[in-house]
Amino acid sequence: MIKNIELITEVAQEFTLQNIKFIVGFFLSFKSELLEGTSSLDIDFIIEAAEK
């Protein structure tokens, strides 16, 4: 069970790109199947929440 779900929800709703503190992972992948290509971009980051 997740504790402090209200805090997590509040931080997620107030998220902006300015809150990003560090990028810890940047993954780009390509896949081709039967004449159709797909790509995926996955960025892992740490945000800094404003103090209240």
PDB file of N, CA and C in Angstrom:
ATOM      1  N   MET A   1       0.840  -1.181   0.000  1.00  0.00           N
ATOM      2  CA  MET A   1       0.000   0.000   0.000  1.00  0.00           C
ATOM      3  C   MET A   1       0.889   1.250   0.000  1.00  0.00           C
ATOM      4  N   ILE A   2       0.505   2.229  -0.781  1.00  0.00           N
ATOM      5  CA  ILE A   2       1.271   3.475  -0.868  1.00  0.00           C
ATOM      6  C   ILE A   2       0.817   4.412   0.245  1.00  0.00           C
ATOM      7  N   LYS A   3       1.793   4.891   1.003  1.00  0.00           N
ATOM      8  CA  LYS A   3       1.481   5.856   2.055  1.00  0.00           C
ATOM      9  C   LYS A   3       1.633   7.255   1.480  1.00  0.00           C
ATOM     10  N   ASN A   4       0.932   8.216   2.031  1.00  0.00           N
ATOM     11  CA  ASN A   4       0.993   9.618   1.598  1.00  0.00           C
ATOM     12  C   ASN A   4       0.588   9.799   0.140  1.00  0.00           C
ATOM     13  N   ILE A   5      -0.447   9.097  -0.294  1.00  0.00           N
ATOM     14  CA  ILE A   5      -0.900   9.184  -1.684  1.00  0.00           C
ATOM     15  C   ILE A   5      -1.342  10.603  -2.031  1.00  0.00           C
ATOM     16  N   GLU A   6      -1.844  11.343  -1.052  1.00  0.00           N
ATOM     17  CA  GLU A   6      -2.259  12.724  -1.300  1.00  0.00           C
ATOM     18  C   GLU A   6      -1.068  13.584  -1.715  1.00  0.00           C
ATOM     19  N   LEU A   7       0.071  13.387  -1.068  1.00  0.00           N
ATOM     20  CA  LEU A   7       1.279  14.135  -1.400  1.00  0.00           C
ATOM     21  C   LEU A   7       1.756  13.800  -2.812  1.00  0.00           C
ATOM     22  N   ILE A   8       1.748  12.526  -3.156  1.00  0.00           N
ATOM     23  CA  ILE A   8       2.165  12.108  -4.496  1.00  0.00           C
ATOM     24  C   ILE A   8       1.235  12.696  -5.548  1.00  0.00           C
ATOM     25  N   THR A   9      -0.063  12.640  -5.313  1.00  0.00           N
ATOM     26  CA  THR A   9      -1.041  13.182  -6.254  1.00  0.00           C
ATOM     27  C   THR A   9      -0.865  14.682  -6.415  1.00  0.00           C
ATOM     28  N   GLU A  10      -0.653  15.387  -5.341  1.00  0.00           N
ATOM     29  CA  GLU A  10      -0.469  16.838  -5.382  1.00  0.00           C
ATOM     30  C   GLU A  10       0.784  17.222  -6.171  1.00  0.00           C
ATOM     31  N   VAL A  11       1.886  16.526  -5.936  1.00  0.00           N
ATOM     32  CA  VAL A  11       3.136  16.813  -6.639  1.00  0.00           C
ATOM     33  C   VAL A  11       2.973  16.529  -8.134  1.00  0.00           C
ATOM     34  N   ALA A  12       2.300  15.438  -8.475  1.00  0.00           N
ATOM     35  CA  ALA A  12       2.094  15.089  -9.880  1.00  0.00           C
ATOM     36  C   ALA A  12       1.214  16.113 -10.587  1.00  0.00           C
ATOM     37  N   GLN A  13       0.210  16.640  -9.917  1.00  0.00           N
ATOM     38  CA  GLN A  13      -0.683  17.629 -10.526  1.00  0.00           C
ATOM     39  C   GLN A  13       0.011  18.965 -10.726  1.00  0.00           C
ATOM     40  N   GLU A  14       0.981  19.302  -9.889  1.00  0.00           N
ATOM     41  CA  GLU A  14       1.687  20.578  -9.984  1.00  0.00           C
ATOM     42  C   GLU A  14       2.972  20.467 -10.802  1.00  0.00           C
ATOM     43  N   PHE A  15       3.194  19.324 -11.471  1.00  0.00           N
ATOM     44  CA  PHE A  15       4.441  19.076 -12.195  1.00  0.00           C
ATOM     45  C   PHE A  15       4.612  20.024 -13.381  1.00  0.00           C
ATOM     46  N   THR A  16       5.816  20.580 -13.530  1.00  0.00           N
ATOM     47  CA  THR A  16       6.227  21.328 -14.713  1.00  0.00           C
ATOM     48  C   THR A  16       7.653  20.897 -15.052  1.00  0.00           C
ATOM     49  N   LEU A  17       8.094  21.189 -16.242  1.00  0.00           N
ATOM     50  CA  LEU A  17       9.457  20.833 -16.630  1.00  0.00           C
ATOM     51  C   LEU A  17      10.493  21.544 -15.769  1.00  0.00           C
ATOM     52  N   GLN A  18      10.131  22.654 -15.157  1.00  0.00           N
ATOM     53  CA  GLN A  18      11.048  23.390 -14.296  1.00  0.00           C
ATOM     54  C   GLN A  18      11.335  22.638 -12.998  1.00  0.00           C
ATOM     55  N   ASN A  19      10.491  21.668 -12.644  1.00  0.00           N
ATOM     56  CA  ASN A  19      10.685  20.883 -11.421  1.00  0.00           C
ATOM     57  C   ASN A  19      11.727  19.783 -11.581  1.00  0.00           C
ATOM     58  N   ILE A  20      12.167  19.494 -12.814  1.00  0.00           N
ATOM     59  CA  ILE A  20      13.120  18.410 -13.030  1.00  0.00           C
ATOM     60  C   ILE A  20      14.474  18.797 -12.459  1.00  0.00           C
ATOM     61  N   LYS A  21      14.970  17.993 -11.545  1.00  0.00           N
ATOM     62  CA  LYS A  21      16.254  18.245 -10.887  1.00  0.00           C
ATOM     63  C   LYS A  21      17.377  17.510 -11.623  1.00  0.00           C
ATOM     64  N   PHE A  22      17.179  16.217 -11.900  1.00  0.00           N
ATOM     65  CA  PHE A  22      18.176  15.397 -12.585  1.00  0.00           C
ATOM     66  C   PHE A  22      17.495  14.475 -13.584  1.00  0.00           C
ATOM     67  N   ILE A  23      18.134  14.228 -14.717  1.00  0.00           N
ATOM     68  CA  ILE A  23      17.715  13.167 -15.631  1.00  0.00           C
ATOM     69  C   ILE A  23      18.638  11.993 -15.341  1.00  0.00           C
ATOM     70  N   VAL A  24      18.044  10.868 -14.949  1.00  0.00           N
ATOM     71  CA  VAL A  24      18.847   9.715 -14.539  1.00  0.00           C
ATOM     72  C   VAL A  24      18.851   8.602 -15.581  1.00  0.00           C
ATOM     73  N   GLY A  25      17.988   8.698 -16.575  1.00  0.00           N
ATOM     74  CA  GLY A  25      17.964   7.689 -17.630  1.00  0.00           C
ATOM     75  C   GLY A  25      17.313   8.245 -18.876  1.00  0.00           C
ATOM     76  N   PHE A  26      17.864   7.902 -20.034  1.00  0.00           N
ATOM     77  CA  PHE A  26      17.346   8.371 -21.313  1.00  0.00           C
ATOM     78  C   PHE A  26      17.479   7.199 -22.282  1.00  0.00           C
ATOM     79  N   PHE A  27      16.367   6.574 -22.634  1.00  0.00           N
ATOM     80  CA  PHE A  27      16.393   5.359 -23.428  1.00  0.00           C
ATOM     81  C   PHE A  27      15.534   5.530 -24.675  1.00  0.00           C
ATOM     82  N   LEU A  28      16.112   5.270 -25.829  1.00  0.00           N
ATOM     83  CA  LEU A  28      15.425   5.364 -27.107  1.00  0.00           C
ATOM     84  C   LEU A  28      15.533   4.018 -27.797  1.00  0.00           C
ATOM     85  N   SER A  29      14.408   3.458 -28.228  1.00  0.00           N
ATOM     86  CA  SER A  29      14.446   2.163 -28.904  1.00  0.00           C
ATOM     87  C   SER A  29      13.586   2.207 -30.164  1.00  0.00           C
ATOM     88  N   PHE A  30      13.986   1.428 -31.133  1.00  0.00           N
ATOM     89  CA  PHE A  30      13.267   1.309 -32.393  1.00  0.00           C
ATOM     90  C   PHE A  30      12.934  -0.160 -32.630  1.00  0.00           C
ATOM     91  N   LYS A  31      11.802  -0.391 -33.287  1.00  0.00           N
ATOM     92  CA  LYS A  31      11.367  -1.756 -33.551  1.00  0.00           C
ATOM     93  C   LYS A  31      10.653  -1.770 -34.902  1.00  0.00           C
ATOM     94  N   SER A  32      10.935  -2.738 -35.717  1.00  0.00           N
ATOM     95  CA  SER A  32      10.318  -2.846 -37.032  1.00  0.00           C
ATOM     96  C   SER A  32       9.707  -4.230 -37.186  1.00  0.00           C
ATOM     97  N   GLU A  33       8.413  -4.254 -37.513  1.00  0.00           N
ATOM     98  CA  GLU A  33       7.710  -5.521 -37.724  1.00  0.00           C
ATOM     99  C   GLU A  33       6.779  -5.385 -38.920  1.00  0.00           C
ATOM    100  N   LEU A  34       6.950  -6.245 -39.884  1.00  0.00           N
ATOM    101  CA  LEU A  34       6.045  -6.326 -41.042  1.00  0.00           C
ATOM    102  C   LEU A  34       5.740  -4.953 -41.656  1.00  0.00           C
ATOM    103  N   LEU A  35       6.759  -4.272 -42.078  1.00  0.00           N
ATOM    104  CA  LEU A  35       6.660  -2.980 -42.766  1.00  0.00           C
ATOM    105  C   LEU A  35       6.140  -1.850 -41.885  1.00  0.00           C
ATOM    106  N   GLU A  36       6.059  -2.063 -40.605  1.00  0.00           N
ATOM    107  CA  GLU A  36       5.603  -1.014 -39.688  1.00  0.00           C
ATOM    108  C   GLU A  36       6.658  -0.809 -38.607  1.00  0.00           C
ATOM    109  N   GLY A  37       7.101   0.428 -38.455  1.00  0.00           N
ATOM    110  CA  GLY A  37       8.105   0.725 -37.447  1.00  0.00           C
ATOM    111  C   GLY A  37       7.509   1.464 -36.266  1.00  0.00           C
ATOM    112  N   THR A  38       8.064   1.216 -35.117  1.00  0.00           N
ATOM    113  CA  THR A  38       7.651   1.927 -33.910  1.00  0.00           C
ATOM    114  C   THR A  38       8.895   2.372 -33.153  1.00  0.00           C
ATOM    115  N   SER A  39       8.738   3.392 -32.370  1.00  0.00           N
ATOM    116  CA  SER A  39       9.842   3.854 -31.531  1.00  0.00           C
ATOM    117  C   SER A  39       9.300   4.197 -30.152  1.00  0.00           C
ATOM    118  N   SER A  40      10.192   4.185 -29.198  1.00  0.00           N
ATOM    119  CA  SER A  40       9.812   4.456 -27.818  1.00  0.00           C
ATOM    120  C   SER A  40      10.901   5.299 -27.160  1.00  0.00           C
ATOM    121  N   LEU A  41      10.485   6.342 -26.454  1.00  0.00           N
ATOM    122  CA  LEU A  41      11.413   7.180 -25.705  1.00  0.00           C
ATOM    123  C   LEU A  41      11.007   7.130 -24.239  1.00  0.00           C
ATOM    124  N   ASP A  42      11.940   6.729 -23.397  1.00  0.00           N
ATOM    125  CA  ASP A  42      11.679   6.597 -21.961  1.00  0.00           C
ATOM    126  C   ASP A  42      12.697   7.475 -21.231  1.00  0.00           C
ATOM    127  N   ILE A  43      12.210   8.461 -20.490  1.00  0.00           N
ATOM    128  CA  ILE A  43      13.079   9.363 -19.738  1.00  0.00           C
ATOM    129  C   ILE A  43      12.761   9.215 -18.257  1.00  0.00           C
ATOM    130  N   ASP A  44      13.752   8.857 -17.471  1.00  0.00           N
ATOM    131  CA  ASP A  44      13.610   8.754 -16.018  1.00  0.00           C
ATOM    132  C   ASP A  44      14.215  10.004 -15.401  1.00  0.00           C
ATOM    133  N   PHE A  45      13.494  10.626 -14.491  1.00  0.00           N
ATOM    134  CA  PHE A  45      13.986  11.862 -13.897  1.00  0.00           C
ATOM    135  C   PHE A  45      13.569  11.985 -12.441  1.00  0.00           C
ATOM    136  N   ILE A  46      14.248  12.866 -11.737  1.00  0.00           N
ATOM    137  CA  ILE A  46      13.944  13.173 -10.344  1.00  0.00           C
ATOM    138  C   ILE A  46      13.425  14.600 -10.309  1.00  0.00           C
ATOM    139  N   ILE A  47      12.297  14.796  -9.630  1.00  0.00           N
ATOM    140  CA  ILE A  47      11.753  16.152  -9.517  1.00  0.00           C
ATOM    141  C   ILE A  47      11.974  16.688  -8.107  1.00  0.00           C
ATOM    142  N   GLU A  48      11.960  17.998  -8.024  1.00  0.00           N
ATOM    143  CA  GLU A  48      12.097  18.661  -6.732  1.00  0.00           C
ATOM    144  C   GLU A  48      10.783  19.361  -6.445  1.00  0.00           C
ATOM    145  N   ALA A  49      10.091  18.917  -5.423  1.00  0.00           N
ATOM    146  CA  ALA A  49       8.814  19.504  -5.055  1.00  0.00           C
ATOM    147  C   ALA A  49       9.031  20.771  -4.257  1.00  0.00           C
ATOM    148  N   ALA A  50       8.129  21.717  -4.439  1.00  0.00           N
ATOM    149  CA  ALA A  50       8.222  22.974  -3.694  1.00  0.00           C
ATOM    150  C   ALA A  50       7.924  22.728  -2.217  1.00  0.00           C
ATOM    151  N   GLU A  51       8.647  23.374  -1.352  1.00  0.00           N
ATOM    152  CA  GLU A  51       8.401  23.245   0.083  1.00  0.00           C
ATOM    153  C   GLU A  51       7.118  23.969   0.447  1.00  0.00           C
ATOM    154  N   LYS A  52       6.395  23.391   1.393  1.00  0.00           N
ATOM    155  CA  LYS A  52       5.137  24.019   1.826  1.00  0.00           C
ATOM    156  C   LYS A  52       5.179  24.295   3.290  1.00  0.00           C
TER     157      LYS A  52
END
